[in-house]
Amino acid sequence: MIKINRLSGYGDLARKYKVMLDDKQIGEIKDGESKCFQVEEGEHTLYLKIDWCKSNKVNFNASKDEEVEFECGGSMRGWKLFLGLIYITFLKNKYLWIKEKVS
């Protein structure tokens, strides 16, 4: 099982991110939401998507008895809000971010 915590952010407040596991959509996550997803055991690749923009890809190993936890959000925070046009054109694969949460 995986758990994803989406940090609240102004840039995409009203938008849901698509949760992509091994290039297939397994669900969506709202602003400020924490959500769990069942996954098969083994190696997987996880990323987020909104329109044509994406996050970085994270590889992880899922095991039967462990929950793998992730944090995610939008890259446009603070002064970066003014770079919206650059993010949706040239930095479209860095518009969102996701990382494994370290305990």
C-alpha atoms as a PDB file:
ATOM      1  CA  MET A   1       0.000   0.000   0.000  1.00  0.00           C
ATOM      2  CA  ILE A   2       1.124   3.552  -0.656  1.00  0.00           C
ATOM      3  CA  LYS A   3       0.019   6.748   1.037  1.00  0.00           C
ATOM      4  CA  ILE A   4       0.322  10.135  -0.673  1.00  0.00           C
ATOM      5  CA  ASN A   5       0.112  13.422   1.234  1.00  0.00           C
ATOM      6  CA  ARG A   6      -0.506  16.450  -0.974  1.00  0.00           C
ATOM      7  CA  LEU A   7       0.659  19.680   0.586  1.00  0.00           C
ATOM      8  CA  SER A   8      -1.688  22.611   0.236  1.00  0.00           C
ATOM      9  CA  GLY A   9      -0.614  25.253  -2.262  1.00  0.00           C
ATOM     10  CA  TYR A  10      -2.146  28.273  -3.933  1.00  0.00           C
ATOM     11  CA  GLY A  11      -1.122  27.501  -7.524  1.00  0.00           C
ATOM     12  CA  ASP A  12      -3.438  24.493  -8.056  1.00  0.00           C
ATOM     13  CA  LEU A  13      -5.838  24.926  -5.157  1.00  0.00           C
ATOM     14  CA  ALA A  14      -8.964  23.856  -7.057  1.00  0.00           C
ATOM     15  CA  ARG A  15      -7.302  21.192  -9.230  1.00  0.00           C
ATOM     16  CA  LYS A  16      -6.831  17.475  -8.675  1.00  0.00           C
ATOM     17  CA  TYR A  17      -3.569  15.740  -9.554  1.00  0.00           C
ATOM     18  CA  LYS A  18      -3.752  12.412 -11.388  1.00  0.00           C
ATOM     19  CA  VAL A  19      -1.796   9.687  -9.593  1.00  0.00           C
ATOM     20  CA  MET A  20       0.116   7.600 -12.134  1.00  0.00           C
ATOM     21  CA  LEU A  21       1.560   4.192 -11.222  1.00  0.00           C
ATOM     22  CA  ASP A  22       3.567   2.416 -13.918  1.00  0.00           C
ATOM     23  CA  ASP A  23       2.093   4.828 -16.520  1.00  0.00           C
ATOM     24  CA  LYS A  24      -1.537   4.010 -15.556  1.00  0.00           C
ATOM     25  CA  GLN A  25      -3.841   6.342 -13.635  1.00  0.00           C
ATOM     26  CA  ILE A  26      -4.822   4.804 -10.289  1.00  0.00           C
ATOM     27  CA  GLY A  27      -6.659   7.798  -8.844  1.00  0.00           C
ATOM     28  CA  GLU A  28      -6.648  11.507  -8.112  1.00  0.00           C
ATOM     29  CA  ILE A  29      -5.645  13.596  -5.123  1.00  0.00           C
ATOM     30  CA  LYS A  30      -7.026  16.995  -4.052  1.00  0.00           C
ATOM     31  CA  ASP A  31      -5.284  19.953  -2.426  1.00  0.00           C
ATOM     32  CA  GLY A  32      -4.374  19.165   1.195  1.00  0.00           C
ATOM     33  CA  GLU A  33      -5.605  15.568   0.921  1.00  0.00           C
ATOM     34  CA  SER A  34      -3.949  12.352   2.113  1.00  0.00           C
ATOM     35  CA  LYS A  35      -4.932   9.240   0.228  1.00  0.00           C
ATOM     36  CA  CYS A  36      -4.012   5.536   0.268  1.00  0.00           C
ATOM     37  CA  PHE A  37      -3.794   3.257  -2.763  1.00  0.00           C
ATOM     38  CA  GLN A  38      -3.403  -0.516  -2.929  1.00  0.00           C
ATOM     39  CA  VAL A  39      -0.479  -1.625  -5.082  1.00  0.00           C
ATOM     40  CA  GLU A  40       0.934  -4.996  -6.049  1.00  0.00           C
ATOM     41  CA  GLU A  41       4.186  -6.149  -4.487  1.00  0.00           C
ATOM     42  CA  GLY A  42       7.341  -5.352  -6.442  1.00  0.00           C
ATOM     43  CA  GLU A  43       9.102  -2.490  -8.218  1.00  0.00           C
ATOM     44  CA  HIS A  44       6.985   0.461  -9.354  1.00  0.00           C
ATOM     45  CA  THR A  45       7.302   3.949 -10.818  1.00  0.00           C
ATOM     46  CA  LEU A  46       5.088   6.707  -9.415  1.00  0.00           C
ATOM     47  CA  TYR A  47       4.454  10.223 -10.697  1.00  0.00           C
ATOM     48  CA  LEU A  48       1.738  12.881 -10.838  1.00  0.00           C
ATOM     49  CA  LYS A  49       0.097  14.557 -13.786  1.00  0.00           C
ATOM     50  CA  ILE A  50      -2.061  17.615 -14.416  1.00  0.00           C
ATOM     51  CA  ASP A  51      -3.009  18.414 -18.014  1.00  0.00           C
ATOM     52  CA  TRP A  52       0.263  18.131 -19.998  1.00  0.00           C
ATOM     53  CA  CYS A  53       2.487  18.819 -16.973  1.00  0.00           C
ATOM     54  CA  LYS A  54       4.050  16.159 -14.750  1.00  0.00           C
ATOM     55  CA  SER A  55       6.159  15.584 -11.683  1.00  0.00           C
ATOM     56  CA  ASN A  56       9.454  13.802 -11.384  1.00  0.00           C
ATOM     57  CA  LYS A  57       9.249   9.993 -11.411  1.00  0.00           C
ATOM     58  CA  VAL A  58       9.959   8.053  -8.216  1.00  0.00           C
ATOM     59  CA  ASN A  59      10.939   4.386  -8.256  1.00  0.00           C
ATOM     60  CA  PHE A  60      10.066   2.328  -5.182  1.00  0.00           C
ATOM     61  CA  ASN A  61       9.615  -1.237  -3.996  1.00  0.00           C
ATOM     62  CA  ALA A  62       6.238  -2.209  -2.504  1.00  0.00           C
ATOM     63  CA  SER A  63       6.088  -5.067  -0.039  1.00  0.00           C
ATOM     64  CA  LYS A  64       3.096  -6.854   1.418  1.00  0.00           C
ATOM     65  CA  ASP A  65       3.464  -5.706   5.017  1.00  0.00           C
ATOM     66  CA  GLU A  66       4.732  -2.135   4.575  1.00  0.00           C
ATOM     67  CA  GLU A  67       3.176   1.184   3.704  1.00  0.00           C
ATOM     68  CA  VAL A  68       5.325   3.466   1.555  1.00  0.00           C
ATOM     69  CA  GLU A  69       4.545   7.141   2.166  1.00  0.00           C
ATOM     70  CA  PHE A  70       5.033  10.052  -0.235  1.00  0.00           C
ATOM     71  CA  GLU A  71       4.653  13.829  -0.130  1.00  0.00           C
ATOM     72  CA  CYS A  72       3.748  15.887  -3.178  1.00  0.00           C
ATOM     73  CA  GLY A  73       2.817  19.361  -4.309  1.00  0.00           C
ATOM     74  CA  GLY A  74       3.208  22.037  -6.923  1.00  0.00           C
ATOM     75  CA  SER A  75       6.530  23.685  -7.694  1.00  0.00           C
ATOM     76  CA  MET A  76       5.012  27.133  -8.148  1.00  0.00           C
ATOM     77  CA  ARG A  77       5.185  28.618  -4.663  1.00  0.00           C
ATOM     78  CA  GLY A  78       6.041  32.110  -3.536  1.00  0.00           C
ATOM     79  CA  TRP A  79       7.813  34.134  -6.214  1.00  0.00           C
ATOM     80  CA  LYS A  80       7.726  31.134  -8.591  1.00  0.00           C
ATOM     81  CA  LEU A  81       4.026  31.886  -9.187  1.00  0.00           C
ATOM     82  CA  PHE A  82       5.257  34.593 -11.557  1.00  0.00           C
ATOM     83  CA  LEU A  83       6.997  31.910 -13.664  1.00  0.00           C
ATOM     84  CA  GLY A  84       3.760  30.113 -14.566  1.00  0.00           C
ATOM     85  CA  LEU A  85       4.206  30.440 -18.326  1.00  0.00           C
ATOM     86  CA  ILE A  86       7.765  29.088 -18.128  1.00  0.00           C
ATOM     87  CA  TYR A  87       6.647  26.128 -15.987  1.00  0.00           C
ATOM     88  CA  ILE A  88       3.822  25.094 -18.329  1.00  0.00           C
ATOM     89  CA  THR A  89       6.026  25.305 -21.435  1.00  0.00           C
ATOM     90  CA  PHE A  90       9.719  24.688 -20.768  1.00  0.00           C
ATOM     91  CA  LEU A  91       9.570  23.137 -17.273  1.00  0.00           C
ATOM     92  CA  LYS A  92       6.402  21.065 -17.725  1.00  0.00           C
ATOM     93  CA  ASN A  93       8.040  17.955 -16.192  1.00  0.00           C
ATOM     94  CA  LYS A  94       8.948  19.961 -13.073  1.00  0.00           C
ATOM     95  CA  TYR A  95       5.566  21.657 -12.592  1.00  0.00           C
ATOM     96  CA  LEU A  96       4.721  19.125  -9.845  1.00  0.00           C
ATOM     97  CA  TRP A  97       6.979  17.224  -7.454  1.00  0.00           C
ATOM     98  CA  ILE A  98       6.752  13.999  -5.462  1.00  0.00           C
ATOM     99  CA  LYS A  99       9.204  12.390  -3.044  1.00  0.00           C
ATOM    100  CA  GLU A 100       9.262   9.470  -0.665  1.00  0.00           C
ATOM    101  CA  LYS A 101       8.743  10.592   2.909  1.00  0.00           C
ATOM    102  CA  VAL A 102      11.683   9.760   5.141  1.00  0.00           C
ATOM    103  CA  SER A 103      10.661   8.556   8.599  1.00  0.00           C
END
